[in-house]
Amino acid sequence: MVGEMSKLLKAAKIVVIGGGTGTYSVLSGLKEYTRNITAVVSMTDSGGSAKKERDEWGLLPSSDIRKSLIALADVSKQNILLLRRLFQYRYNQGEGVTGMTFGNLFLVALTDLLGSQEKAIKKAGVILRIKGRVLPVTLDKVNLLARYTDGTTIIGEHFIDEPDHDGKLAITSLETRPKAMINPAVKEAILQSDIIIIGPGGFYTTIIANLVVKGVVDTIRKSQAKKIFILNLMTEYGQTFKFSASKFILELNKYFPTEHLDYVLMNNAPLPAKILKYYKEFQAEAVIDDFPTDTPFRVIRSDLLSNKVVRKEKGDKLKRSLLRHDSQKIAELCINVLGLI
């Protein structure tokens, strides 16, 4: 029976939708079980090195692509640590490259050599021997536009994620400018998938940023795949200030009808008091579980917390989260919930 389930797992086509460190955690865990993974990543990053890629080279932002490529890289555990450090290496000196990562510059150079960013991403996957593939959710060059309860309009992922305005304000709507169309390869992957995992990550700037691309939600709805949403560990000033678990779902429902979800995964392990105190300085707190008993999806509560605390790198000018989901715990829970092992 275990052997049969293992075959089912290897045959199952998994699509992970998101970007950033949340998707990195999910992919890192899943690749230990299967190669049948497609990472669909957001293309609206506009801060840090993304600004340079957009403004100076006219390219799609590649930070989320880089992170997903490294997460899926098929190398020994010893080498993956060095490879990750290399591709995450951020220059902290040198005019014009401060704040850039080696991995992003690698992808820029590969694009120049091959004449196409799509070809560069695919070739990078071959070079890194990734277990699966990485696809931009759209090939269109766009920005995010957010509207807030006070009527304010903000353009640019970076200014939504790290606000100069009052970060307590709620976002009433999110869209891309100009309108973005789903990457045809992404559409095909979603329609053929058996499992779709959405999140975790920056709720509006990573998760909803994918869902507002025209064609994504309709394609997910048409897919016969089992659909899983992974809740964030923490709220975020500027995006999800004071959000509870049910508030996350209520907001998600504005963009993606949540009756189509099969499972919602939520961490129930206590978060370290010292780290919570640090987050409080940035007006962030642990997401409170206030789910009612009658949800259209099954809520799975489990210890999903990584015991590693992330430290900020030199040259990194952007805000980063310290707490992360544990890649192995997420993968095992997804697989067990779906009965694949």
C-alpha atoms as a PDB file:
ATOM      1  CA  MET A   1       0.000   0.000   0.000  1.00  0.00           C
ATOM      2  CA  VAL A   2       2.835   2.402   0.891  1.00  0.00           C
ATOM      3  CA  GLY A   3       4.506   1.605  -2.435  1.00  0.00           C
ATOM      4  CA  GLU A   4       1.295   2.372  -4.313  1.00  0.00           C
ATOM      5  CA  MET A   5       0.914   5.675  -2.477  1.00  0.00           C
ATOM      6  CA  SER A   6       4.530   6.544  -3.252  1.00  0.00           C
ATOM      7  CA  LYS A   7       3.826   5.966  -6.951  1.00  0.00           C
ATOM      8  CA  LEU A   8       0.791   8.229  -6.696  1.00  0.00           C
ATOM      9  CA  LEU A   9       2.929  10.959  -5.173  1.00  0.00           C
ATOM     10  CA  LYS A  10       5.600  10.729  -7.861  1.00  0.00           C
ATOM     11  CA  ALA A  11       2.928  10.843 -10.567  1.00  0.00           C
ATOM     12  CA  ALA A  12       0.987  13.742  -9.032  1.00  0.00           C
ATOM     13  CA  LYS A  13       1.474  17.060 -10.803  1.00  0.00           C
ATOM     14  CA  ILE A  14       1.937  19.806  -8.208  1.00  0.00           C
ATOM     15  CA  VAL A  15       1.640  23.538  -8.866  1.00  0.00           C
ATOM     16  CA  VAL A  16       2.848  25.971  -6.194  1.00  0.00           C
ATOM     17  CA  ILE A  17       1.637  29.559  -6.614  1.00  0.00           C
ATOM     18  CA  GLY A  18       3.375  32.404  -4.791  1.00  0.00           C
ATOM     19  CA  GLY A  19       6.912  33.736  -4.674  1.00  0.00           C
ATOM     20  CA  GLY A  20       9.594  34.808  -2.250  1.00  0.00           C
ATOM     21  CA  THR A  21      10.644  32.956   0.878  1.00  0.00           C
ATOM     22  CA  GLY A  22       7.233  31.342   1.448  1.00  0.00           C
ATOM     23  CA  THR A  23       7.329  29.519  -1.858  1.00  0.00           C
ATOM     24  CA  TYR A  24      11.000  28.722  -1.261  1.00  0.00           C
ATOM     25  CA  SER A  25      10.027  26.817   1.895  1.00  0.00           C
ATOM     26  CA  VAL A  26       7.247  24.868   0.167  1.00  0.00           C
ATOM     27  CA  LEU A  27       9.386  23.918  -2.834  1.00  0.00           C
ATOM     28  CA  SER A  28      12.383  22.919  -0.693  1.00  0.00           C
ATOM     29  CA  GLY A  29      10.248  20.384   1.137  1.00  0.00           C
ATOM     30  CA  LEU A  30       8.311  19.005  -1.829  1.00  0.00           C
ATOM     31  CA  LYS A  31      11.399  18.358  -3.963  1.00  0.00           C
ATOM     32  CA  GLU A  32      12.444  15.627  -1.509  1.00  0.00           C
ATOM     33  CA  TYR A  33       9.412  13.611  -2.643  1.00  0.00           C
ATOM     34  CA  THR A  34       8.850  14.365  -6.329  1.00  0.00           C
ATOM     35  CA  ARG A  35      10.201  16.088  -9.426  1.00  0.00           C
ATOM     36  CA  ASN A  36       6.718  16.831 -10.733  1.00  0.00           C
ATOM     37  CA  ILE A  37       6.601  20.425  -9.455  1.00  0.00           C
ATOM     38  CA  THR A  38       5.791  23.672 -11.223  1.00  0.00           C
ATOM     39  CA  ALA A  39       6.507  26.899  -9.334  1.00  0.00           C
ATOM     40  CA  VAL A  40       4.384  29.819 -10.530  1.00  0.00           C
ATOM     41  CA  VAL A  41       5.876  33.061  -9.251  1.00  0.00           C
ATOM     42  CA  SER A  42       4.695  36.672  -9.125  1.00  0.00           C
ATOM     43  CA  MET A  43       6.181  39.251 -11.493  1.00  0.00           C
ATOM     44  CA  THR A  44       5.403  42.548  -9.778  1.00  0.00           C
ATOM     45  CA  ASP A  45       8.469  43.019  -7.557  1.00  0.00           C
ATOM     46  CA  SER A  46       9.674  46.623  -7.835  1.00  0.00           C
ATOM     47  CA  GLY A  47      12.073  47.161  -4.931  1.00  0.00           C
ATOM     48  CA  GLY A  48      15.780  46.580  -4.460  1.00  0.00           C
ATOM     49  CA  SER A  49      17.448  44.848  -7.425  1.00  0.00           C
ATOM     50  CA  ALA A  50      14.092  44.501  -9.206  1.00  0.00           C
ATOM     51  CA  LYS A  51      14.018  48.243  -9.818  1.00  0.00           C
ATOM     52  CA  LYS A  52      17.379  48.051 -11.587  1.00  0.00           C
ATOM     53  CA  GLU A  53      16.288  45.048 -13.654  1.00  0.00           C
ATOM     54  CA  ARG A  54      13.126  46.848 -14.705  1.00  0.00           C
ATOM     55  CA  ASP A  55      14.457  50.368 -15.273  1.00  0.00           C
ATOM     56  CA  GLU A  56      17.947  49.730 -16.653  1.00  0.00           C
ATOM     57  CA  TRP A  57      17.606  46.381 -18.419  1.00  0.00           C
ATOM     58  CA  GLY A  58      13.885  46.281 -19.259  1.00  0.00           C
ATOM     59  CA  LEU A  59      13.487  42.819 -17.757  1.00  0.00           C
ATOM     60  CA  LEU A  60      10.940  41.064 -15.594  1.00  0.00           C
ATOM     61  CA  PRO A  61      12.010  41.049 -11.909  1.00  0.00           C
ATOM     62  CA  SER A  62      13.913  37.845 -11.174  1.00  0.00           C
ATOM     63  CA  SER A  63      14.284  37.635  -7.371  1.00  0.00           C
ATOM     64  CA  ASP A  64      11.318  35.267  -6.938  1.00  0.00           C
ATOM     65  CA  ILE A  65      12.507  33.230  -9.917  1.00  0.00           C
ATOM     66  CA  ARG A  66      15.980  32.957  -8.378  1.00  0.00           C
ATOM     67  CA  LYS A  67      14.638  31.802  -5.016  1.00  0.00           C
ATOM     68  CA  SER A  68      12.446  29.143  -6.616  1.00  0.00           C
ATOM     69  CA  LEU A  69      15.285  27.865  -8.803  1.00  0.00           C
ATOM     70  CA  ILE A  70      17.528  27.437  -5.782  1.00  0.00           C
ATOM     71  CA  ALA A  71      14.738  25.790  -3.790  1.00  0.00           C
ATOM     72  CA  LEU A  72      14.304  23.157  -6.508  1.00  0.00           C
ATOM     73  CA  ALA A  73      18.028  22.668  -7.259  1.00  0.00           C
ATOM     74  CA  ASP A  74      18.986  18.985  -7.274  1.00  0.00           C
ATOM     75  CA  VAL A  75      22.345  18.945  -5.550  1.00  0.00           C
ATOM     76  CA  SER A  76      23.749  17.384  -2.410  1.00  0.00           C
ATOM     77  CA  LYS A  77      22.751  18.918   0.902  1.00  0.00           C
ATOM     78  CA  GLN A  78      26.313  20.098   1.418  1.00  0.00           C
ATOM     79  CA  ASN A  79      26.458  21.781  -1.992  1.00  0.00           C
ATOM     80  CA  ILE A  80      22.958  23.271  -1.781  1.00  0.00           C
ATOM     81  CA  LEU A  81      24.074  25.331   1.198  1.00  0.00           C
ATOM     82  CA  LEU A  82      26.988  26.763  -0.767  1.00  0.00           C
ATOM     83  CA  LEU A  83      24.866  27.175  -3.895  1.00  0.00           C
ATOM     84  CA  ARG A  84      22.193  28.983  -1.946  1.00  0.00           C
ATOM     85  CA  ARG A  85      24.778  31.261  -0.327  1.00  0.00           C
ATOM     86  CA  LEU A  86      26.273  31.969  -3.762  1.00  0.00           C
ATOM     87  CA  PHE A  87      22.984  32.786  -5.500  1.00  0.00           C
ATOM     88  CA  GLN A  88      21.753  34.742  -2.481  1.00  0.00           C
ATOM     89  CA  TYR A  89      25.076  36.562  -2.152  1.00  0.00           C
ATOM     90  CA  ARG A  90      24.272  40.264  -2.074  1.00  0.00           C
ATOM     91  CA  TYR A  91      26.918  42.770  -3.077  1.00  0.00           C
ATOM     92  CA  ASN A  92      27.392  45.339  -0.329  1.00  0.00           C
ATOM     93  CA  GLN A  93      29.988  47.438  -2.069  1.00  0.00           C
ATOM     94  CA  GLY A  94      30.836  48.504  -5.592  1.00  0.00           C
ATOM     95  CA  GLU A  95      29.140  51.291  -7.491  1.00  0.00           C
ATOM     96  CA  GLY A  96      26.040  50.161  -9.374  1.00  0.00           C
ATOM     97  CA  VAL A  97      25.810  46.654  -7.901  1.00  0.00           C
ATOM     98  CA  THR A  98      25.279  47.316  -4.185  1.00  0.00           C
ATOM     99  CA  GLY A  99      22.127  45.504  -3.119  1.00  0.00           C
ATOM    100  CA  MET A 100      22.136  43.180  -6.153  1.00  0.00           C
ATOM    101  CA  THR A 101      22.450  39.420  -5.709  1.00  0.00           C
ATOM    102  CA  PHE A 102      24.768  37.169  -7.668  1.00  0.00           C
ATOM    103  CA  GLY A 103      21.781  35.040  -8.702  1.00  0.00           C
ATOM    104  CA  ASN A 104      19.910  37.969 -10.219  1.00  0.00           C
ATOM    105  CA  LEU A 105      23.003  39.094 -12.131  1.00  0.00           C
ATOM    106  CA  PHE A 106      23.510  35.498 -13.311  1.00  0.00           C
ATOM    107  CA  LEU A 107      19.988  35.486 -14.771  1.00  0.00           C
ATOM    108  CA  VAL A 108      20.520  38.910 -16.364  1.00  0.00           C
ATOM    109  CA  ALA A 109      23.730  37.705 -18.028  1.00  0.00           C
ATOM    110  CA  LEU A 110      22.066  34.484 -19.190  1.00  0.00           C
ATOM    111  CA  THR A 111      19.204  36.490 -20.695  1.00  0.00           C
ATOM    112  CA  ASP A 112      21.689  38.631 -22.602  1.00  0.00           C
ATOM    113  CA  LEU A 113      23.502  35.558 -23.916  1.00  0.00           C
ATOM    114  CA  LEU A 114      20.345  33.680 -24.958  1.00  0.00           C
ATOM    115  CA  GLY A 115      18.311  36.682 -26.068  1.00  0.00           C
ATOM    116  CA  SER A 116      15.244  35.780 -24.011  1.00  0.00           C
ATOM    117  CA  GLN A 117      14.358  35.808 -20.326  1.00  0.00           C
ATOM    118  CA  GLU A 118      12.147  32.741 -20.804  1.00  0.00           C
ATOM    119  CA  LYS A 119      15.072  30.830 -22.307  1.00  0.00           C
ATOM    120  CA  ALA A 120      17.352  32.052 -19.518  1.00  0.00           C
ATOM    121  CA  ILE A 121      15.018  30.753 -16.794  1.00  0.00           C
ATOM    122  CA  LYS A 122      14.714  27.395 -18.521  1.00  0.00           C
ATOM    123  CA  LYS A 123      18.479  27.108 -19.060  1.00  0.00           C
ATOM    124  CA  ALA A 124      19.165  28.100 -15.442  1.00  0.00           C
ATOM    125  CA  GLY A 125      16.892  25.224 -14.429  1.00  0.00           C
ATOM    126  CA  VAL A 126      18.997  22.843 -16.531  1.00  0.00           C
ATOM    127  CA  ILE A 127      22.264  24.181 -15.091  1.00  0.00           C
ATOM    128  CA  LEU A 128      20.948  23.815 -11.535  1.00  0.00           C
ATOM    129  CA  ARG A 129      19.335  20.435 -12.302  1.00  0.00           C
ATOM    130  CA  ILE A 130      16.092  21.565 -10.706  1.00  0.00           C
ATOM    131  CA  LYS A 131      13.412  19.062  -9.712  1.00  0.00           C
ATOM    132  CA  GLY A 132      10.578  20.639 -11.635  1.00  0.00           C
ATOM    133  CA  ARG A 133      10.279  23.975 -13.395  1.00  0.00           C
ATOM    134  CA  VAL A 134       9.827  27.656 -12.609  1.00  0.00           C
ATOM    135  CA  LEU A 135       7.389  29.824 -14.562  1.00  0.00           C
ATOM    136  CA  PRO A 136       6.632  33.561 -14.371  1.00  0.00           C
ATOM    137  CA  VAL A 137       2.875  33.957 -13.830  1.00  0.00           C
ATOM    138  CA  THR A 138       2.859  36.499 -16.673  1.00  0.00           C
ATOM    139  CA  LEU A 139       5.300  37.637 -19.322  1.00  0.00           C
ATOM    140  CA  ASP A 140       3.878  41.158 -19.247  1.00  0.00           C
ATOM    141  CA  LYS A 141       5.800  43.962 -17.563  1.00  0.00           C
ATOM    142  CA  VAL A 142       3.414  45.380 -14.967  1.00  0.00           C
ATOM    143  CA  ASN A 143       3.178  47.098 -11.595  1.00  0.00           C
ATOM    144  CA  LEU A 144       0.769  46.563  -8.728  1.00  0.00           C
ATOM    145  CA  LEU A 145      -1.812  49.218  -7.942  1.00  0.00           C
ATOM    146  CA  ALA A 146      -3.439  49.212  -4.509  1.00  0.00           C
ATOM    147  CA  ARG A 147      -6.397  51.273  -3.329  1.00  0.00           C
ATOM    148  CA  TYR A 148      -6.957  51.943   0.378  1.00  0.00           C
ATOM    149  CA  THR A 149      -9.916  52.731   2.601  1.00  0.00           C
ATOM    150  CA  ASP A 150      -9.079  56.429   2.719  1.00  0.00           C
ATOM    151  CA  GLY A 151      -9.041  56.701  -1.078  1.00  0.00           C
ATOM    152  CA  THR A 152      -5.252  56.619  -1.380  1.00  0.00           C
ATOM    153  CA  THR A 153      -3.822  54.905  -4.465  1.00  0.00           C
ATOM    154  CA  ILE A 154      -0.309  53.429  -4.406  1.00  0.00           C
ATOM    155  CA  ILE A 155       1.551  52.084  -7.447  1.00  0.00           C
ATOM    156  CA  GLY A 156       4.491  49.717  -7.053  1.00  0.00           C
ATOM    157  CA  GLU A 157       4.948  46.536  -5.015  1.00  0.00           C
ATOM    158  CA  HIS A 158       7.786  48.068  -3.010  1.00  0.00           C
ATOM    159  CA  PHE A 159       5.656  50.992  -1.798  1.00  0.00           C
ATOM    160  CA  ILE A 160       2.831  48.641  -0.817  1.00  0.00           C
ATOM    161  CA  ASP A 161       5.175  46.279   1.010  1.00  0.00           C
ATOM    162  CA  GLU A 162       7.161  49.011   2.770  1.00  0.00           C
ATOM    163  CA  PRO A 163       4.701  51.905   3.021  1.00  0.00           C
ATOM    164  CA  ASP A 164       5.442  55.578   3.458  1.00  0.00           C
ATOM    165  CA  HIS A 165       1.708  55.998   4.079  1.00  0.00           C
ATOM    166  CA  ASP A 166      -0.231  54.754   7.120  1.00  0.00           C
ATOM    167  CA  GLY A 167       0.351  50.993   7.077  1.00  0.00           C
ATOM    168  CA  LYS A 168      -2.695  50.404   9.253  1.00  0.00           C
ATOM    169  CA  LEU A 169      -4.948  51.307   6.343  1.00  0.00           C
ATOM    170  CA  ALA A 170      -6.695  48.361   4.710  1.00  0.00           C
ATOM    171  CA  ILE A 171      -6.336  47.619   1.016  1.00  0.00           C
ATOM    172  CA  THR A 172      -9.737  47.647  -0.670  1.00  0.00           C
ATOM    173  CA  SER A 173      -8.616  46.474  -4.110  1.00  0.00           C
ATOM    174  CA  LEU A 174      -5.496  45.325  -5.932  1.00  0.00           C
ATOM    175  CA  GLU A 175      -4.802  45.155  -9.666  1.00  0.00           C
ATOM    176  CA  THR A 176      -1.970  45.295 -12.161  1.00  0.00           C
ATOM    177  CA  ARG A 177      -1.167  48.295 -14.332  1.00  0.00           C
ATOM    178  CA  PRO A 178      -1.368  47.678 -17.211  1.00  0.00           C
ATOM    179  CA  LYS A 179      -3.554  44.577 -17.203  1.00  0.00           C
ATOM    180  CA  ALA A 180      -1.519  41.372 -17.216  1.00  0.00           C
ATOM    181  CA  MET A 181      -2.355  38.123 -19.026  1.00  0.00           C
ATOM    182  CA  ILE A 182      -1.578  34.649 -17.743  1.00  0.00           C
ATOM    183  CA  ASN A 183       1.532  32.998 -19.155  1.00  0.00           C
ATOM    184  CA  PRO A 184       0.202  30.239 -21.505  1.00  0.00           C
ATOM    185  CA  ALA A 185       2.593  27.732 -19.934  1.00  0.00           C
ATOM    186  CA  VAL A 186       1.144  28.540 -16.501  1.00  0.00           C
ATOM    187  CA  LYS A 187      -2.389  28.025 -17.774  1.00  0.00           C
ATOM    188  CA  GLU A 188      -1.465  24.604 -19.135  1.00  0.00           C
ATOM    189  CA  ALA A 189       0.321  23.607 -15.908  1.00  0.00           C
ATOM    190  CA  ILE A 190      -2.658  24.565 -13.715  1.00  0.00           C
ATOM    191  CA  LEU A 191      -5.181  22.747 -15.917  1.00  0.00           C
ATOM    192  CA  GLN A 192      -3.066  19.585 -15.862  1.00  0.00           C
ATOM    193  CA  SER A 193      -2.295  19.730 -12.135  1.00  0.00           C
ATOM    194  CA  ASP A 194      -3.470  17.315  -9.453  1.00  0.00           C
ATOM    195  CA  ILE A 195      -2.534  19.567  -6.513  1.00  0.00           C
ATOM    196  CA  ILE A 196      -2.423  23.366  -6.290  1.00  0.00           C
ATOM    197  CA  ILE A 197      -0.741  24.983  -3.290  1.00  0.00           C
ATOM    198  CA  ILE A 198      -1.212  28.733  -2.782  1.00  0.00           C
ATOM    199  CA  GLY A 199       1.017  30.625  -0.343  1.00  0.00           C
ATOM    200  CA  PRO A 200       2.421  31.400   2.108  1.00  0.00           C
ATOM    201  CA  GLY A 201       3.961  34.801   1.406  1.00  0.00           C
ATOM    202  CA  GLY A 202       3.322  38.527   1.271  1.00  0.00           C
ATOM    203  CA  PHE A 203      -0.460  38.352   1.116  1.00  0.00           C
ATOM    204  CA  TYR A 204      -1.105  41.096  -1.428  1.00  0.00           C
ATOM    205  CA  THR A 205       2.328  41.532  -2.993  1.00  0.00           C
ATOM    206  CA  THR A 206       3.026  37.832  -3.543  1.00  0.00           C
ATOM    207  CA  ILE A 207      -0.194  35.810  -3.349  1.00  0.00           C
ATOM    208  CA  ILE A 208      -2.910  38.170  -4.584  1.00  0.00           C
ATOM    209  CA  ALA A 209      -0.362  39.583  -7.078  1.00  0.00           C
ATOM    210  CA  ASN A 210      -0.595  36.229  -8.874  1.00  0.00           C
ATOM    211  CA  LEU A 211      -4.370  35.947  -8.624  1.00  0.00           C
ATOM    212  CA  VAL A 212      -5.078  39.369 -10.181  1.00  0.00           C
ATOM    213  CA  VAL A 213      -3.343  38.342 -13.394  1.00  0.00           C
ATOM    214  CA  LYS A 214      -6.125  37.800 -15.925  1.00  0.00           C
ATOM    215  CA  GLY A 215      -6.854  34.130 -16.478  1.00  0.00           C
ATOM    216  CA  VAL A 216      -5.226  32.767 -13.309  1.00  0.00           C
ATOM    217  CA  VAL A 217      -8.323  32.469 -11.098  1.00  0.00           C
ATOM    218  CA  ASP A 218     -10.546  31.163 -13.897  1.00  0.00           C
ATOM    219  CA  THR A 219      -7.953  28.530 -14.722  1.00  0.00           C
ATOM    220  CA  ILE A 220      -7.614  27.444 -11.075  1.00  0.00           C
ATOM    221  CA  ARG A 221     -11.398  27.140 -10.808  1.00  0.00           C
ATOM    222  CA  LYS A 222     -11.525  24.952 -13.917  1.00  0.00           C
ATOM    223  CA  SER A 223      -8.747  22.701 -12.644  1.00  0.00           C
ATOM    224  CA  GLN A 224      -9.801  19.414 -11.032  1.00  0.00           C
ATOM    225  CA  ALA A 225      -6.823  19.635  -8.661  1.00  0.00           C
ATOM    226  CA  LYS A 226      -7.084  19.552  -4.879  1.00  0.00           C
ATOM    227  CA  LYS A 227      -6.461  23.108  -3.692  1.00  0.00           C
ATOM    228  CA  ILE A 228      -4.517  24.054  -0.553  1.00  0.00           C
ATOM    229  CA  PHE A 229      -3.999  27.508   0.950  1.00  0.00           C
ATOM    230  CA  ILE A 230      -1.213  27.992   3.510  1.00  0.00           C
ATOM    231  CA  LEU A 231      -1.784  30.819   5.992  1.00  0.00           C
ATOM    232  CA  ASN A 232       0.974  33.206   6.983  1.00  0.00           C
ATOM    233  CA  LEU A 233       2.567  33.016  10.423  1.00  0.00           C
ATOM    234  CA  MET A 234       2.461  36.756  11.035  1.00  0.00           C
ATOM    235  CA  THR A 235       0.456  39.832  10.096  1.00  0.00           C
ATOM    236  CA  GLU A 236       2.262  42.557   8.185  1.00  0.00           C
ATOM    237  CA  TYR A 237       2.112  46.314   8.604  1.00  0.00           C
ATOM    238  CA  GLY A 238       1.178  47.806   5.252  1.00  0.00           C
ATOM    239  CA  GLN A 239      -0.632  44.705   4.017  1.00  0.00           C
ATOM    240  CA  THR A 240      -2.401  42.688   6.677  1.00  0.00           C
ATOM    241  CA  PHE A 241      -2.376  44.843   9.800  1.00  0.00           C
ATOM    242  CA  LYS A 242      -4.392  43.112  12.580  1.00  0.00           C
ATOM    243  CA  PHE A 243      -5.591  40.360  10.222  1.00  0.00           C
ATOM    244  CA  SER A 244      -6.929  37.218  11.887  1.00  0.00           C
ATOM    245  CA  ALA A 245      -7.132  33.864  10.102  1.00  0.00           C
ATOM    246  CA  SER A 246     -10.748  34.448   9.040  1.00  0.00           C
ATOM    247  CA  LYS A 247      -9.861  37.941   7.778  1.00  0.00           C
ATOM    248  CA  PHE A 248      -7.199  36.459   5.501  1.00  0.00           C
ATOM    249  CA  ILE A 249      -9.811  34.145   4.014  1.00  0.00           C
ATOM    250  CA  LEU A 250     -12.379  36.931   3.730  1.00  0.00           C
ATOM    251  CA  GLU A 251      -9.910  39.033   1.741  1.00  0.00           C
ATOM    252  CA  LEU A 252      -8.755  36.077  -0.348  1.00  0.00           C
ATOM    253  CA  ASN A 253     -12.383  35.471  -1.270  1.00  0.00           C
ATOM    254  CA  LYS A 254     -12.510  38.879  -2.998  1.00  0.00           C
ATOM    255  CA  TYR A 255     -10.078  37.587  -5.610  1.00  0.00           C
ATOM    256  CA  PHE A 256     -10.510  33.818  -5.468  1.00  0.00           C
ATOM    257  CA  PRO A 257     -13.791  32.164  -4.359  1.00  0.00           C
ATOM    258  CA  THR A 258     -12.681  30.256  -1.280  1.00  0.00           C
ATOM    259  CA  GLU A 259     -15.388  27.612  -1.635  1.00  0.00           C
ATOM    260  CA  HIS A 260     -13.037  26.174  -4.249  1.00  0.00           C
ATOM    261  CA  LEU A 261     -10.413  25.527  -1.565  1.00  0.00           C
ATOM    262  CA  ASP A 262     -10.191  22.010  -0.159  1.00  0.00           C
ATOM    263  CA  TYR A 263      -7.784  22.671   2.707  1.00  0.00           C
ATOM    264  CA  VAL A 264      -6.355  25.589   4.666  1.00  0.00           C
ATOM    265  CA  LEU A 265      -3.166  24.868   6.607  1.00  0.00           C
ATOM    266  CA  MET A 266      -2.375  26.894   9.719  1.00  0.00           C
ATOM    267  CA  ASN A 267       0.512  26.806  12.169  1.00  0.00           C
ATOM    268  CA  ASN A 268      -0.493  26.092  15.773  1.00  0.00           C
ATOM    269  CA  ALA A 269       2.988  25.994  17.320  1.00  0.00           C
ATOM    270  CA  PRO A 270       3.718  28.841  19.768  1.00  0.00           C
ATOM    271  CA  LEU A 271       6.001  31.540  18.397  1.00  0.00           C
ATOM    272  CA  PRO A 272       9.095  32.566  20.397  1.00  0.00           C
ATOM    273  CA  ALA A 273       8.332  35.477  22.743  1.00  0.00           C
ATOM    274  CA  LYS A 274      11.653  37.155  21.930  1.00  0.00           C
ATOM    275  CA  ILE A 275      10.855  37.168  18.208  1.00  0.00           C
ATOM    276  CA  LEU A 276       7.292  38.363  18.791  1.00  0.00           C
ATOM    277  CA  LYS A 277       8.701  41.270  20.770  1.00  0.00           C
ATOM    278  CA  TYR A 278      10.923  42.149  17.821  1.00  0.00           C
ATOM    279  CA  TYR A 279       7.992  41.971  15.388  1.00  0.00           C
ATOM    280  CA  LYS A 280       5.948  44.222  17.661  1.00  0.00           C
ATOM    281  CA  GLU A 281       8.353  47.049  16.857  1.00  0.00           C
ATOM    282  CA  PHE A 282       7.148  46.754  13.259  1.00  0.00           C
ATOM    283  CA  GLN A 283       3.481  46.481  14.289  1.00  0.00           C
ATOM    284  CA  ALA A 284       3.260  42.820  13.301  1.00  0.00           C
ATOM    285  CA  GLU A 285       1.846  39.973  15.381  1.00  0.00           C
ATOM    286  CA  ALA A 286       1.008  36.279  15.195  1.00  0.00           C
ATOM    287  CA  VAL A 287      -2.077  35.402  13.142  1.00  0.00           C
ATOM    288  CA  ILE A 288      -4.929  34.493  15.504  1.00  0.00           C
ATOM    289  CA  ASP A 289      -6.943  31.357  14.778  1.00  0.00           C
ATOM    290  CA  ASP A 290     -10.574  32.481  14.762  1.00  0.00           C
ATOM    291  CA  PHE A 291     -11.983  30.073  12.198  1.00  0.00           C
ATOM    292  CA  PRO A 292     -15.632  29.126  12.743  1.00  0.00           C
ATOM    293  CA  THR A 293     -16.532  25.436  12.799  1.00  0.00           C
ATOM    294  CA  ASP A 294     -18.499  25.585   9.539  1.00  0.00           C
ATOM    295  CA  THR A 295     -15.963  26.482   6.838  1.00  0.00           C
ATOM    296  CA  PRO A 296     -16.388  25.304   3.214  1.00  0.00           C
ATOM    297  CA  PHE A 297     -12.859  23.910   3.435  1.00  0.00           C
ATOM    298  CA  ARG A 298     -11.093  21.741   5.984  1.00  0.00           C
ATOM    299  CA  VAL A 299      -8.795  23.629   8.363  1.00  0.00           C
ATOM    300  CA  ILE A 300      -5.663  21.649   9.254  1.00  0.00           C
ATOM    301  CA  ARG A 301      -3.781  22.910  12.291  1.00  0.00           C
ATOM    302  CA  SER A 302      -0.237  21.691  12.848  1.00  0.00           C
ATOM    303  CA  ASP A 303       3.250  22.716  13.926  1.00  0.00           C
ATOM    304  CA  LEU A 304       4.596  24.308  10.730  1.00  0.00           C
ATOM    305  CA  LEU A 305       7.184  26.551  12.351  1.00  0.00           C
ATOM    306  CA  SER A 306      10.870  26.431  11.435  1.00  0.00           C
ATOM    307  CA  ASN A 307      13.236  26.558  14.400  1.00  0.00           C
ATOM    308  CA  LYS A 308      15.674  28.667  12.390  1.00  0.00           C
ATOM    309  CA  VAL A 309      15.691  32.437  12.746  1.00  0.00           C
ATOM    310  CA  VAL A 310      16.673  34.250   9.551  1.00  0.00           C
ATOM    311  CA  ARG A 311      19.326  36.959   9.792  1.00  0.00           C
ATOM    312  CA  LYS A 312      19.512  39.922   7.423  1.00  0.00           C
ATOM    313  CA  GLU A 313      22.342  39.936   4.890  1.00  0.00           C
ATOM    314  CA  LYS A 314      24.815  42.760   4.329  1.00  0.00           C
ATOM    315  CA  GLY A 315      23.717  45.090   1.556  1.00  0.00           C
ATOM    316  CA  ASP A 316      20.077  44.095   1.872  1.00  0.00           C
ATOM    317  CA  LYS A 317      18.028  47.284   2.096  1.00  0.00           C
ATOM    318  CA  LEU A 318      14.614  45.607   2.189  1.00  0.00           C
ATOM    319  CA  LYS A 319      12.545  44.461   5.150  1.00  0.00           C
ATOM    320  CA  ARG A 320      12.641  40.683   5.670  1.00  0.00           C
ATOM    321  CA  SER A 321      10.746  38.313   7.926  1.00  0.00           C
ATOM    322  CA  LEU A 322      12.665  36.435  10.622  1.00  0.00           C
ATOM    323  CA  LEU A 323      10.256  33.545  11.137  1.00  0.00           C
ATOM    324  CA  ARG A 324       9.625  31.021   8.370  1.00  0.00           C
ATOM    325  CA  HIS A 325       7.555  27.932   7.748  1.00  0.00           C
ATOM    326  CA  ASP A 326       9.475  24.677   7.998  1.00  0.00           C
ATOM    327  CA  SER A 327       9.859  23.151   4.537  1.00  0.00           C
ATOM    328  CA  GLN A 328       9.804  19.524   5.692  1.00  0.00           C
ATOM    329  CA  LYS A 329       6.781  19.990   7.941  1.00  0.00           C
ATOM    330  CA  ILE A 330       4.799  21.687   5.165  1.00  0.00           C
ATOM    331  CA  ALA A 331       5.644  19.005   2.610  1.00  0.00           C
ATOM    332  CA  GLU A 332       4.794  16.139   4.955  1.00  0.00           C
ATOM    333  CA  LEU A 333       1.505  17.722   5.982  1.00  0.00           C
ATOM    334  CA  CYS A 334       0.425  18.376   2.384  1.00  0.00           C
ATOM    335  CA  ILE A 335       1.289  14.839   1.359  1.00  0.00           C
ATOM    336  CA  ASN A 336      -0.367  13.229   4.404  1.00  0.00           C
ATOM    337  CA  VAL A 337      -3.540  15.324   4.043  1.00  0.00           C
ATOM    338  CA  LEU A 338      -3.843  14.226   0.417  1.00  0.00           C
ATOM    339  CA  GLY A 339      -3.148  10.593   1.293  1.00  0.00           C
ATOM    340  CA  LEU A 340      -0.191  10.286  -1.081  1.00  0.00           C
ATOM    341  CA  ILE A 341       2.123   8.352   1.259  1.00  0.00           C
END
